Amino acid sequence: MSDLREILHDLYAEGQAFDARQADRRDRRRNLEPDAAELLTMLLRVARARDIVEIGTSNGYSTLWLAAAARDTGGAVATVDVAPPTDAVANAERAGLRDLITFVTADGGAYLAGMPDQSVDLLFLDADRPEYPGWWPHPKRVLRPGGFLAIDNVLSHPGEVRPFLELIAADPEFTASTFAVGKGLHVAVLLPR
């Protein structure tokens, strides 16, 4: 894990430097913060999540965190982004985690719509936040009972995520909390039926 920690540290630092040079936020890498990654992957391990889907790949920083945890649970990660994952694939190979990751170039909502019911243990959303409500009910439908949905940037961009968080809050089959780590990580667990 020490080599992986070094790779993650370097990727995060590179992402921060890259983002600082970008005027348009859509051009930024917008990586998950390290403390949020620690919490998310700890939850993944505790839940023994095996089937993991990430929407929003960027340079693969969070993908590597998820894949390292999936290795511990015997799982795998599918990561979806509208942009080809060239940097993310290279970073996964460098970290020795490529065999645990399926890279998909697609719209996140369309990908979720095509997934089977109850096929995901952890769904991590880190893409264009205003799109999330339009993906409903697929984020819930694809989760297994006891599975969880994690959403990044809920404290840094509350207005953009509010409509989606309201959908989750209105659903009695979810229990959820926001954690003040990174830019805010919201975790919703689909209660067993």
N, C-alpha and C. Protein backbone atom coordinates (compact mmCIF):
# COMPACT_ATOMS: atom_id res chain seq x y z
N MET A 1 0.82 -1.20 0.00
CA MET A 1 0.00 0.00 0.00
C MET A 1 0.86 1.26 0.00
N SER A 2 2.11 1.16 0.48
CA SER A 2 2.94 2.37 0.53
C SER A 2 3.22 2.92 -0.87
N ASP A 3 3.48 2.04 -1.85
CA ASP A 3 3.67 2.52 -3.22
C ASP A 3 2.38 3.16 -3.73
N LEU A 4 1.25 2.52 -3.43
CA LEU A 4 -0.03 3.09 -3.84
C LEU A 4 -0.26 4.44 -3.17
N ARG A 5 0.07 4.54 -1.90
CA ARG A 5 -0.08 5.82 -1.18
C ARG A 5 0.75 6.91 -1.86
N GLU A 6 1.94 6.58 -2.30
CA GLU A 6 2.78 7.56 -2.98
C GLU A 6 2.16 7.96 -4.32
N ILE A 7 1.65 6.99 -5.04
CA ILE A 7 0.99 7.28 -6.32
C ILE A 7 -0.22 8.17 -6.08
N LEU A 8 -1.04 7.83 -5.09
CA LEU A 8 -2.23 8.64 -4.78
C LEU A 8 -1.83 10.05 -4.36
N HIS A 9 -0.80 10.17 -3.54
CA HIS A 9 -0.33 11.48 -3.11
C HIS A 9 0.10 12.31 -4.32
N ASP A 10 0.88 11.70 -5.21
CA ASP A 10 1.35 12.40 -6.40
C ASP A 10 0.19 12.80 -7.32
N LEU A 11 -0.76 11.89 -7.53
CA LEU A 11 -1.91 12.20 -8.39
C LEU A 11 -2.74 13.33 -7.83
N TYR A 12 -2.95 13.31 -6.52
CA TYR A 12 -3.73 14.38 -5.89
C TYR A 12 -3.01 15.72 -6.06
N ALA A 13 -1.71 15.75 -5.79
CA ALA A 13 -0.93 16.98 -5.93
C ALA A 13 -0.95 17.47 -7.38
N GLU A 14 -0.78 16.55 -8.33
CA GLU A 14 -0.83 16.92 -9.75
C GLU A 14 -2.21 17.48 -10.11
N GLY A 15 -3.26 16.85 -9.58
CA GLY A 15 -4.62 17.32 -9.84
C GLY A 15 -4.87 18.70 -9.29
N GLN A 16 -4.38 18.98 -8.08
CA GLN A 16 -4.54 20.30 -7.48
C GLN A 16 -3.82 21.36 -8.31
N ALA A 17 -2.59 21.06 -8.74
CA ALA A 17 -1.83 22.01 -9.55
C ALA A 17 -2.51 22.24 -10.90
N PHE A 18 -2.99 21.16 -11.50
CA PHE A 18 -3.68 21.25 -12.80
C PHE A 18 -4.93 22.11 -12.66
N ASP A 19 -5.75 21.84 -11.63
CA ASP A 19 -6.99 22.57 -11.43
C ASP A 19 -6.75 24.06 -11.22
N ALA A 20 -5.68 24.40 -10.54
CA ALA A 20 -5.36 25.80 -10.27
C ALA A 20 -5.09 26.59 -11.55
N ARG A 21 -4.70 25.89 -12.61
CA ARG A 21 -4.39 26.55 -13.88
C ARG A 21 -5.60 26.63 -14.82
N GLN A 22 -6.73 26.04 -14.43
CA GLN A 22 -7.89 25.98 -15.31
C GLN A 22 -8.92 27.04 -14.93
N ALA A 23 -9.29 27.87 -15.88
CA ALA A 23 -10.29 28.91 -15.62
C ALA A 23 -11.70 28.31 -15.57
N ASP A 24 -11.97 27.37 -16.45
CA ASP A 24 -13.30 26.75 -16.54
C ASP A 24 -13.33 25.50 -15.66
N ARG A 25 -14.25 25.43 -14.71
CA ARG A 25 -14.32 24.30 -13.79
C ARG A 25 -14.54 22.97 -14.50
N ARG A 26 -15.17 23.01 -15.68
CA ARG A 26 -15.41 21.77 -16.43
C ARG A 26 -14.12 21.17 -16.96
N ASP A 27 -13.06 21.97 -17.03
CA ASP A 27 -11.77 21.47 -17.50
C ASP A 27 -10.92 20.92 -16.36
N ARG A 28 -11.39 21.07 -15.14
CA ARG A 28 -10.61 20.64 -13.97
C ARG A 28 -10.78 19.15 -13.71
N ARG A 29 -9.84 18.60 -12.97
CA ARG A 29 -9.89 17.18 -12.60
C ARG A 29 -10.86 16.95 -11.45
N ARG A 30 -10.96 17.91 -10.57
CA ARG A 30 -11.93 17.86 -9.46
C ARG A 30 -11.87 16.55 -8.69
N ASN A 31 -10.69 16.17 -8.26
CA ASN A 31 -10.52 14.92 -7.54
C ASN A 31 -11.18 14.94 -6.17
N LEU A 32 -11.61 13.79 -5.76
CA LEU A 32 -12.10 13.56 -4.41
C LEU A 32 -11.00 13.94 -3.43
N GLU A 33 -11.37 14.54 -2.31
CA GLU A 33 -10.38 14.90 -1.30
C GLU A 33 -9.90 13.65 -0.57
N PRO A 34 -8.63 13.61 -0.15
CA PRO A 34 -8.09 12.40 0.50
C PRO A 34 -8.88 11.94 1.73
N ASP A 35 -9.34 12.87 2.58
CA ASP A 35 -10.08 12.42 3.76
C ASP A 35 -11.44 11.82 3.39
N ALA A 36 -12.07 12.35 2.35
CA ALA A 36 -13.32 11.77 1.86
C ALA A 36 -13.06 10.39 1.25
N ALA A 37 -11.94 10.25 0.55
CA ALA A 37 -11.59 8.95 -0.02
C ALA A 37 -11.35 7.92 1.07
N GLU A 38 -10.69 8.33 2.14
CA GLU A 38 -10.45 7.43 3.28
C GLU A 38 -11.77 6.94 3.86
N LEU A 39 -12.70 7.87 4.10
CA LEU A 39 -13.99 7.49 4.67
C LEU A 39 -14.76 6.58 3.71
N LEU A 40 -14.83 6.97 2.45
CA LEU A 40 -15.58 6.18 1.47
C LEU A 40 -15.05 4.75 1.37
N THR A 41 -13.75 4.61 1.31
CA THR A 41 -13.19 3.27 1.15
C THR A 41 -13.27 2.47 2.45
N MET A 42 -13.28 3.14 3.59
CA MET A 42 -13.50 2.43 4.85
C MET A 42 -14.92 1.87 4.88
N LEU A 43 -15.89 2.69 4.47
CA LEU A 43 -17.28 2.21 4.41
C LEU A 43 -17.41 1.05 3.43
N LEU A 44 -16.73 1.15 2.30
CA LEU A 44 -16.76 0.10 1.30
C LEU A 44 -16.25 -1.22 1.90
N ARG A 45 -15.16 -1.14 2.63
CA ARG A 45 -14.59 -2.34 3.25
C ARG A 45 -15.51 -2.91 4.33
N VAL A 46 -16.05 -2.04 5.18
CA VAL A 46 -16.94 -2.49 6.25
C VAL A 46 -18.18 -3.17 5.66
N ALA A 47 -18.71 -2.60 4.59
CA ALA A 47 -19.89 -3.16 3.94
C ALA A 47 -19.57 -4.38 3.08
N ARG A 48 -18.28 -4.66 2.90
CA ARG A 48 -17.84 -5.76 2.04
C ARG A 48 -18.39 -5.61 0.61
N ALA A 49 -18.43 -4.36 0.16
CA ALA A 49 -18.94 -4.07 -1.18
C ALA A 49 -18.04 -4.71 -2.24
N ARG A 50 -18.66 -5.35 -3.20
CA ARG A 50 -17.92 -6.03 -4.26
C ARG A 50 -18.20 -5.42 -5.63
N ASP A 51 -19.43 -5.06 -5.88
CA ASP A 51 -19.80 -4.50 -7.18
C ASP A 51 -19.92 -2.99 -7.01
N ILE A 52 -18.92 -2.29 -7.53
CA ILE A 52 -18.76 -0.86 -7.30
C ILE A 52 -18.84 -0.13 -8.62
N VAL A 53 -19.64 0.93 -8.66
CA VAL A 53 -19.76 1.77 -9.85
C VAL A 53 -19.46 3.20 -9.45
N GLU A 54 -18.58 3.82 -10.23
CA GLU A 54 -18.22 5.22 -10.05
C GLU A 54 -18.65 5.97 -11.30
N ILE A 55 -19.38 7.06 -11.12
CA ILE A 55 -19.72 7.92 -12.25
C ILE A 55 -18.88 9.19 -12.11
N GLY A 56 -17.95 9.38 -13.03
CA GLY A 56 -17.02 10.50 -13.00
C GLY A 56 -15.62 10.00 -12.74
N THR A 57 -14.87 9.70 -13.79
CA THR A 57 -13.55 9.08 -13.66
C THR A 57 -12.43 10.09 -13.52
N SER A 58 -12.43 11.13 -14.34
CA SER A 58 -11.35 12.12 -14.40
C SER A 58 -10.02 11.41 -14.64
N ASN A 59 -9.02 11.65 -13.79
CA ASN A 59 -7.71 11.02 -13.98
C ASN A 59 -7.58 9.70 -13.23
N GLY A 60 -8.67 9.25 -12.63
CA GLY A 60 -8.67 7.95 -11.96
C GLY A 60 -8.25 7.98 -10.51
N TYR A 61 -8.10 9.15 -9.92
CA TYR A 61 -7.66 9.24 -8.53
C TYR A 61 -8.61 8.48 -7.60
N SER A 62 -9.89 8.82 -7.64
CA SER A 62 -10.84 8.11 -6.76
C SER A 62 -11.02 6.66 -7.19
N THR A 63 -10.86 6.40 -8.47
CA THR A 63 -10.97 5.03 -8.97
C THR A 63 -9.92 4.14 -8.32
N LEU A 64 -8.71 4.66 -8.17
CA LEU A 64 -7.65 3.88 -7.52
C LEU A 64 -7.98 3.61 -6.06
N TRP A 65 -8.50 4.58 -5.36
CA TRP A 65 -8.93 4.35 -3.98
C TRP A 65 -9.97 3.23 -3.93
N LEU A 66 -10.97 3.33 -4.80
CA LEU A 66 -12.05 2.32 -4.82
C LEU A 66 -11.51 0.94 -5.18
N ALA A 67 -10.62 0.89 -6.16
CA ALA A 67 -10.08 -0.40 -6.60
C ALA A 67 -9.23 -1.05 -5.52
N ALA A 68 -8.46 -0.26 -4.79
CA ALA A 68 -7.65 -0.81 -3.70
C ALA A 68 -8.55 -1.43 -2.63
N ALA A 69 -9.66 -0.77 -2.33
CA ALA A 69 -10.61 -1.32 -1.36
C ALA A 69 -11.32 -2.54 -1.93
N ALA A 70 -11.65 -2.49 -3.22
CA ALA A 70 -12.31 -3.63 -3.87
C ALA A 70 -11.40 -4.86 -3.86
N ARG A 71 -10.11 -4.65 -3.99
CA ARG A 71 -9.16 -5.76 -3.91
C ARG A 71 -9.30 -6.46 -2.56
N ASP A 72 -9.51 -5.68 -1.50
CA ASP A 72 -9.66 -6.25 -0.16
C ASP A 72 -10.97 -7.01 0.03
N THR A 73 -12.00 -6.65 -0.74
CA THR A 73 -13.31 -7.30 -0.59
C THR A 73 -13.57 -8.36 -1.65
N GLY A 74 -12.63 -8.53 -2.57
CA GLY A 74 -12.83 -9.46 -3.67
C GLY A 74 -13.73 -8.89 -4.75
N GLY A 75 -13.80 -7.57 -4.82
CA GLY A 75 -14.69 -6.92 -5.77
C GLY A 75 -13.98 -6.32 -6.96
N ALA A 76 -14.72 -5.45 -7.68
CA ALA A 76 -14.21 -4.77 -8.86
C ALA A 76 -14.96 -3.46 -9.02
N VAL A 77 -14.38 -2.57 -9.82
CA VAL A 77 -14.93 -1.24 -10.05
C VAL A 77 -15.22 -1.05 -11.53
N ALA A 78 -16.40 -0.51 -11.82
CA ALA A 78 -16.69 0.01 -13.16
C ALA A 78 -16.73 1.51 -13.01
N THR A 79 -15.94 2.23 -13.79
CA THR A 79 -15.93 3.68 -13.72
C THR A 79 -16.35 4.25 -15.06
N VAL A 80 -17.23 5.24 -15.00
CA VAL A 80 -17.91 5.76 -16.19
C VAL A 80 -17.65 7.26 -16.32
N ASP A 81 -17.27 7.68 -17.52
CA ASP A 81 -17.08 9.10 -17.78
C ASP A 81 -17.39 9.37 -19.24
N VAL A 82 -17.80 10.60 -19.52
CA VAL A 82 -18.09 10.96 -20.92
C VAL A 82 -16.81 11.14 -21.73
N ALA A 83 -15.69 11.37 -21.05
CA ALA A 83 -14.41 11.54 -21.74
C ALA A 83 -13.64 10.23 -21.73
N PRO A 84 -12.90 9.93 -22.79
CA PRO A 84 -12.06 8.73 -22.79
C PRO A 84 -11.08 8.75 -21.61
N PRO A 85 -10.87 7.62 -20.97
CA PRO A 85 -10.10 7.57 -19.72
C PRO A 85 -8.59 7.36 -19.89
N THR A 86 -7.98 7.97 -20.86
CA THR A 86 -6.57 7.71 -21.16
C THR A 86 -5.67 7.84 -19.94
N ASP A 87 -5.73 8.98 -19.25
CA ASP A 87 -4.89 9.18 -18.06
C ASP A 87 -5.26 8.19 -16.96
N ALA A 88 -6.55 7.95 -16.78
CA ALA A 88 -7.00 7.05 -15.71
C ALA A 88 -6.50 5.62 -15.95
N VAL A 89 -6.52 5.16 -17.18
CA VAL A 89 -6.03 3.81 -17.49
C VAL A 89 -4.53 3.73 -17.19
N ALA A 90 -3.79 4.74 -17.62
CA ALA A 90 -2.33 4.75 -17.36
C ALA A 90 -2.06 4.76 -15.85
N ASN A 91 -2.84 5.52 -15.10
CA ASN A 91 -2.64 5.58 -13.66
C ASN A 91 -3.00 4.26 -12.99
N ALA A 92 -4.03 3.58 -13.47
CA ALA A 92 -4.41 2.27 -12.93
C ALA A 92 -3.32 1.24 -13.21
N GLU A 93 -2.73 1.30 -14.39
CA GLU A 93 -1.63 0.39 -14.71
C GLU A 93 -0.43 0.67 -13.82
N ARG A 94 -0.11 1.93 -13.64
CA ARG A 94 1.01 2.33 -12.79
C ARG A 94 0.81 1.85 -11.34
N ALA A 95 -0.43 1.85 -10.87
CA ALA A 95 -0.74 1.43 -9.50
C ALA A 95 -0.91 -0.07 -9.36
N GLY A 96 -0.91 -0.80 -10.48
CA GLY A 96 -1.08 -2.25 -10.43
C GLY A 96 -2.51 -2.67 -10.12
N LEU A 97 -3.48 -1.82 -10.46
CA LEU A 97 -4.89 -2.10 -10.16
C LEU A 97 -5.75 -2.23 -11.42
N ARG A 98 -5.14 -2.20 -12.58
CA ARG A 98 -5.88 -2.19 -13.84
C ARG A 98 -6.83 -3.37 -13.98
N ASP A 99 -6.44 -4.54 -13.48
CA ASP A 99 -7.28 -5.73 -13.64
C ASP A 99 -8.55 -5.68 -12.79
N LEU A 100 -8.66 -4.74 -11.90
CA LEU A 100 -9.86 -4.62 -11.05
C LEU A 100 -10.83 -3.55 -11.55
N ILE A 101 -10.47 -2.90 -12.65
CA ILE A 101 -11.24 -1.74 -13.12
C ILE A 101 -11.71 -1.94 -14.55
N THR A 102 -12.99 -1.68 -14.77
CA THR A 102 -13.55 -1.61 -16.12
C THR A 102 -13.80 -0.14 -16.42
N PHE A 103 -13.20 0.37 -17.48
CA PHE A 103 -13.37 1.76 -17.88
C PHE A 103 -14.45 1.84 -18.95
N VAL A 104 -15.42 2.72 -18.74
CA VAL A 104 -16.54 2.87 -19.66
C VAL A 104 -16.63 4.33 -20.08
N THR A 105 -16.67 4.57 -21.38
CA THR A 105 -16.90 5.92 -21.89
C THR A 105 -18.37 6.01 -22.28
N ALA A 106 -19.14 6.74 -21.46
CA ALA A 106 -20.58 6.84 -21.67
C ALA A 106 -21.14 7.94 -20.79
N ASP A 107 -22.35 8.34 -21.07
CA ASP A 107 -23.09 9.24 -20.18
C ASP A 107 -23.48 8.46 -18.93
N GLY A 108 -23.25 9.02 -17.76
CA GLY A 108 -23.53 8.33 -16.51
C GLY A 108 -24.98 7.91 -16.37
N GLY A 109 -25.90 8.80 -16.70
CA GLY A 109 -27.32 8.48 -16.59
C GLY A 109 -27.73 7.35 -17.51
N ALA A 110 -27.23 7.38 -18.75
CA ALA A 110 -27.56 6.32 -19.70
C ALA A 110 -26.97 4.99 -19.24
N TYR A 111 -25.77 5.03 -18.68
CA TYR A 111 -25.15 3.81 -18.18
C TYR A 111 -26.00 3.21 -17.06
N LEU A 112 -26.40 4.04 -16.10
CA LEU A 112 -27.22 3.54 -15.00
C LEU A 112 -28.55 3.00 -15.51
N ALA A 113 -29.15 3.67 -16.48
CA ALA A 113 -30.43 3.22 -17.02
C ALA A 113 -30.33 1.83 -17.64
N GLY A 114 -29.17 1.48 -18.17
CA GLY A 114 -28.98 0.18 -18.80
C GLY A 114 -28.54 -0.93 -17.85
N MET A 115 -28.30 -0.59 -16.59
CA MET A 115 -27.83 -1.59 -15.63
C MET A 115 -28.99 -2.42 -15.08
N PRO A 116 -28.71 -3.68 -14.71
CA PRO A 116 -29.76 -4.50 -14.11
C PRO A 116 -30.14 -4.02 -12.71
N ASP A 117 -31.35 -4.34 -12.30
CA ASP A 117 -31.81 -4.04 -10.95
C ASP A 117 -30.91 -4.73 -9.93
N GLN A 118 -30.73 -4.06 -8.80
CA GLN A 118 -30.03 -4.62 -7.64
C GLN A 118 -28.70 -5.29 -8.01
N SER A 119 -27.89 -4.58 -8.78
CA SER A 119 -26.62 -5.15 -9.24
C SER A 119 -25.40 -4.46 -8.65
N VAL A 120 -25.60 -3.46 -7.78
CA VAL A 120 -24.50 -2.63 -7.29
C VAL A 120 -24.52 -2.57 -5.76
N ASP A 121 -23.34 -2.71 -5.17
CA ASP A 121 -23.20 -2.56 -3.72
C ASP A 121 -22.88 -1.12 -3.33
N LEU A 122 -22.08 -0.44 -4.16
CA LEU A 122 -21.72 0.96 -3.91
C LEU A 122 -21.78 1.72 -5.22
N LEU A 123 -22.55 2.79 -5.22
CA LEU A 123 -22.61 3.70 -6.36
C LEU A 123 -22.06 5.04 -5.89
N PHE A 124 -20.96 5.48 -6.51
CA PHE A 124 -20.32 6.73 -6.15
C PHE A 124 -20.53 7.74 -7.28
N LEU A 125 -21.18 8.86 -6.96
CA LEU A 125 -21.44 9.90 -7.95
C LEU A 125 -20.50 11.07 -7.74
N ASP A 126 -19.70 11.36 -8.77
CA ASP A 126 -18.75 12.46 -8.72
C ASP A 126 -18.63 13.04 -10.13
N ALA A 127 -19.78 13.45 -10.66
CA ALA A 127 -19.84 13.95 -12.04
C ALA A 127 -20.55 15.31 -12.04
N ASP A 128 -21.29 15.61 -13.11
CA ASP A 128 -22.03 16.88 -13.19
C ASP A 128 -23.26 16.80 -12.29
N ARG A 129 -23.16 17.42 -11.14
CA ARG A 129 -24.18 17.32 -10.10
C ARG A 129 -25.59 17.68 -10.55
N PRO A 130 -25.80 18.73 -11.35
CA PRO A 130 -27.16 19.07 -11.75
C PRO A 130 -27.87 17.97 -12.57
N GLU A 131 -27.10 17.03 -13.11
CA GLU A 131 -27.71 15.95 -13.90
C GLU A 131 -28.32 14.85 -13.04
N TYR A 132 -27.88 14.72 -11.79
CA TYR A 132 -28.29 13.58 -10.96
C TYR A 132 -29.80 13.39 -10.84
N PRO A 133 -30.60 14.44 -10.62
CA PRO A 133 -32.04 14.20 -10.49
C PRO A 133 -32.66 13.57 -11.75
N GLY A 134 -32.11 13.91 -12.91
CA GLY A 134 -32.61 13.33 -14.16
C GLY A 134 -32.29 11.85 -14.30
N TRP A 135 -31.38 11.35 -13.50
CA TRP A 135 -31.03 9.93 -13.54
C TRP A 135 -31.96 9.09 -12.67
N TRP A 136 -32.74 9.75 -11.79
CA TRP A 136 -33.63 9.04 -10.87
C TRP A 136 -34.70 8.31 -11.65
N PRO A 137 -35.09 7.10 -11.34
CA PRO A 137 -34.84 6.33 -10.12
C PRO A 137 -33.67 5.35 -10.24
N HIS A 138 -32.90 5.45 -11.32
CA HIS A 138 -31.86 4.44 -11.56
C HIS A 138 -30.81 4.32 -10.45
N PRO A 139 -30.36 5.43 -9.82
CA PRO A 139 -29.40 5.24 -8.73
C PRO A 139 -29.94 4.36 -7.60
N LYS A 140 -31.23 4.45 -7.34
CA LYS A 140 -31.84 3.57 -6.32
C LYS A 140 -32.06 2.17 -6.88
N ARG A 141 -32.57 2.09 -8.07
CA ARG A 141 -32.95 0.80 -8.67
C ARG A 141 -31.77 -0.15 -8.79
N VAL A 142 -30.58 0.38 -9.09
CA VAL A 142 -29.43 -0.51 -9.30
C VAL A 142 -28.82 -0.99 -7.99
N LEU A 143 -29.14 -0.34 -6.86
CA LEU A 143 -28.57 -0.73 -5.58
C LEU A 143 -29.20 -2.00 -5.03
N ARG A 144 -28.38 -2.85 -4.48
CA ARG A 144 -28.87 -3.99 -3.73
C ARG A 144 -29.36 -3.50 -2.38
N PRO A 145 -30.34 -4.16 -1.76
CA PRO A 145 -30.70 -3.80 -0.39
C PRO A 145 -29.45 -3.88 0.50
N GLY A 146 -29.24 -2.85 1.29
CA GLY A 146 -28.03 -2.75 2.10
C GLY A 146 -26.89 -2.06 1.37
N GLY A 147 -27.05 -1.81 0.07
CA GLY A 147 -26.05 -1.09 -0.70
C GLY A 147 -26.10 0.39 -0.41
N PHE A 148 -25.08 1.09 -0.84
CA PHE A 148 -25.11 2.52 -0.56
C PHE A 148 -24.68 3.39 -1.73
N LEU A 149 -25.21 4.59 -1.66
CA LEU A 149 -25.00 5.63 -2.65
C LEU A 149 -24.17 6.71 -1.98
N ALA A 150 -23.07 7.12 -2.59
CA ALA A 150 -22.23 8.18 -2.05
C ALA A 150 -22.14 9.30 -3.08
N ILE A 151 -22.30 10.53 -2.60
CA ILE A 151 -22.28 11.70 -3.48
C ILE A 151 -21.24 12.67 -2.95
N ASP A 152 -20.31 13.09 -3.80
CA ASP A 152 -19.27 14.04 -3.40
C ASP A 152 -19.74 15.47 -3.63
N ASN A 153 -19.06 16.41 -2.99
CA ASN A 153 -19.25 17.85 -3.18
C ASN A 153 -20.58 18.40 -2.67
N VAL A 154 -21.15 17.78 -1.66
CA VAL A 154 -22.45 18.23 -1.19
C VAL A 154 -22.36 19.47 -0.29
N LEU A 155 -21.21 19.74 0.30
CA LEU A 155 -21.05 20.96 1.10
C LEU A 155 -20.47 22.09 0.26
N SER A 156 -19.64 21.76 -0.72
CA SER A 156 -19.04 22.80 -1.56
C SER A 156 -20.01 23.32 -2.62
N HIS A 157 -20.99 22.52 -3.00
CA HIS A 157 -21.95 22.92 -4.04
C HIS A 157 -23.38 22.53 -3.60
N PRO A 158 -23.84 23.06 -2.48
CA PRO A 158 -25.14 22.62 -1.95
C PRO A 158 -26.32 22.88 -2.88
N GLY A 159 -26.30 24.00 -3.58
CA GLY A 159 -27.40 24.31 -4.48
C GLY A 159 -27.50 23.33 -5.63
N GLU A 160 -26.36 22.86 -6.11
CA GLU A 160 -26.36 21.93 -7.24
C GLU A 160 -26.84 20.53 -6.86
N VAL A 161 -26.61 20.13 -5.61
CA VAL A 161 -27.00 18.77 -5.20
C VAL A 161 -28.32 18.72 -4.45
N ARG A 162 -28.83 19.88 -4.02
CA ARG A 162 -30.06 19.91 -3.22
C ARG A 162 -31.21 19.12 -3.85
N PRO A 163 -31.54 19.31 -5.14
CA PRO A 163 -32.67 18.57 -5.70
C PRO A 163 -32.48 17.04 -5.61
N PHE A 164 -31.26 16.58 -5.81
CA PHE A 164 -31.01 15.14 -5.74
C PHE A 164 -31.09 14.64 -4.29
N LEU A 165 -30.51 15.40 -3.37
CA LEU A 165 -30.58 15.00 -1.96
C LEU A 165 -32.01 15.02 -1.45
N GLU A 166 -32.85 15.90 -1.99
CA GLU A 166 -34.26 15.92 -1.61
C GLU A 166 -34.98 14.66 -2.08
N LEU A 167 -34.60 14.14 -3.26
CA LEU A 167 -35.18 12.87 -3.73
C LEU A 167 -34.83 11.74 -2.77
N ILE A 168 -33.59 11.71 -2.34
CA ILE A 168 -33.15 10.67 -1.41
C ILE A 168 -33.87 10.82 -0.07
N ALA A 169 -33.93 12.05 0.44
CA ALA A 169 -34.56 12.31 1.75
C ALA A 169 -36.04 11.96 1.74
N ALA A 170 -36.69 12.11 0.61
CA ALA A 170 -38.13 11.82 0.52
C ALA A 170 -38.43 10.33 0.39
N ASP A 171 -37.41 9.52 0.19
CA ASP A 171 -37.60 8.09 0.00
C ASP A 171 -37.40 7.36 1.33
N PRO A 172 -38.45 6.75 1.89
CA PRO A 172 -38.32 6.10 3.20
C PRO A 172 -37.44 4.85 3.19
N GLU A 173 -37.05 4.40 2.01
CA GLU A 173 -36.18 3.21 1.95
C GLU A 173 -34.70 3.55 2.12
N PHE A 174 -34.39 4.85 2.21
CA PHE A 174 -33.02 5.29 2.43
C PHE A 174 -32.84 5.85 3.84
N THR A 175 -31.68 5.62 4.41
CA THR A 175 -31.22 6.38 5.57
C THR A 175 -29.92 7.02 5.14
N ALA A 176 -29.74 8.30 5.49
CA ALA A 176 -28.61 9.03 4.92
C ALA A 176 -28.03 10.03 5.90
N SER A 177 -26.75 10.35 5.66
CA SER A 177 -26.04 11.38 6.44
C SER A 177 -25.03 12.06 5.54
N THR A 178 -24.76 13.31 5.87
CA THR A 178 -23.69 14.05 5.21
C THR A 178 -22.52 14.13 6.17
N PHE A 179 -21.34 13.83 5.66
CA PHE A 179 -20.12 13.86 6.44
C PHE A 179 -19.28 15.06 6.00
N ALA A 180 -18.81 15.83 6.96
CA ALA A 180 -18.02 17.03 6.68
C ALA A 180 -16.56 16.65 6.47
N VAL A 181 -16.32 15.87 5.45
CA VAL A 181 -14.97 15.51 5.02
C VAL A 181 -14.81 15.99 3.59
N GLY A 182 -13.60 16.38 3.24
CA GLY A 182 -13.38 16.87 1.88
C GLY A 182 -14.31 18.03 1.59
N LYS A 183 -15.02 17.91 0.49
CA LYS A 183 -15.98 18.93 0.08
C LYS A 183 -17.40 18.52 0.44
N GLY A 184 -17.51 17.52 1.33
CA GLY A 184 -18.82 17.03 1.77
C GLY A 184 -19.17 15.75 1.06
N LEU A 185 -19.31 14.68 1.84
CA LEU A 185 -19.67 13.38 1.29
C LEU A 185 -21.01 12.96 1.88
N HIS A 186 -21.99 12.75 1.03
CA HIS A 186 -23.32 12.31 1.46
C HIS A 186 -23.40 10.81 1.20
N VAL A 187 -23.80 10.07 2.21
CA VAL A 187 -23.89 8.62 2.09
C VAL A 187 -25.32 8.21 2.43
N ALA A 188 -25.95 7.50 1.50
CA ALA A 188 -27.32 7.02 1.68
C ALA A 188 -27.32 5.50 1.55
N VAL A 189 -27.84 4.83 2.56
CA VAL A 189 -27.91 3.36 2.57
C VAL A 189 -29.32 2.95 2.22
N LEU A 190 -29.44 2.04 1.25
CA LEU A 190 -30.75 1.51 0.90
C LEU A 190 -31.09 0.41 1.91
N LEU A 191 -32.09 0.65 2.71
CA LEU A 191 -32.44 -0.27 3.77
C LEU A 191 -32.90 -1.61 3.20
N PRO A 192 -32.51 -2.71 3.84
CA PRO A 192 -33.02 -4.01 3.40
C PRO A 192 -34.54 -4.02 3.48
N ARG A 193 -35.16 -4.62 2.51
CA ARG A 193 -36.64 -4.63 2.46
C ARG A 193 -37.21 -5.75 3.30
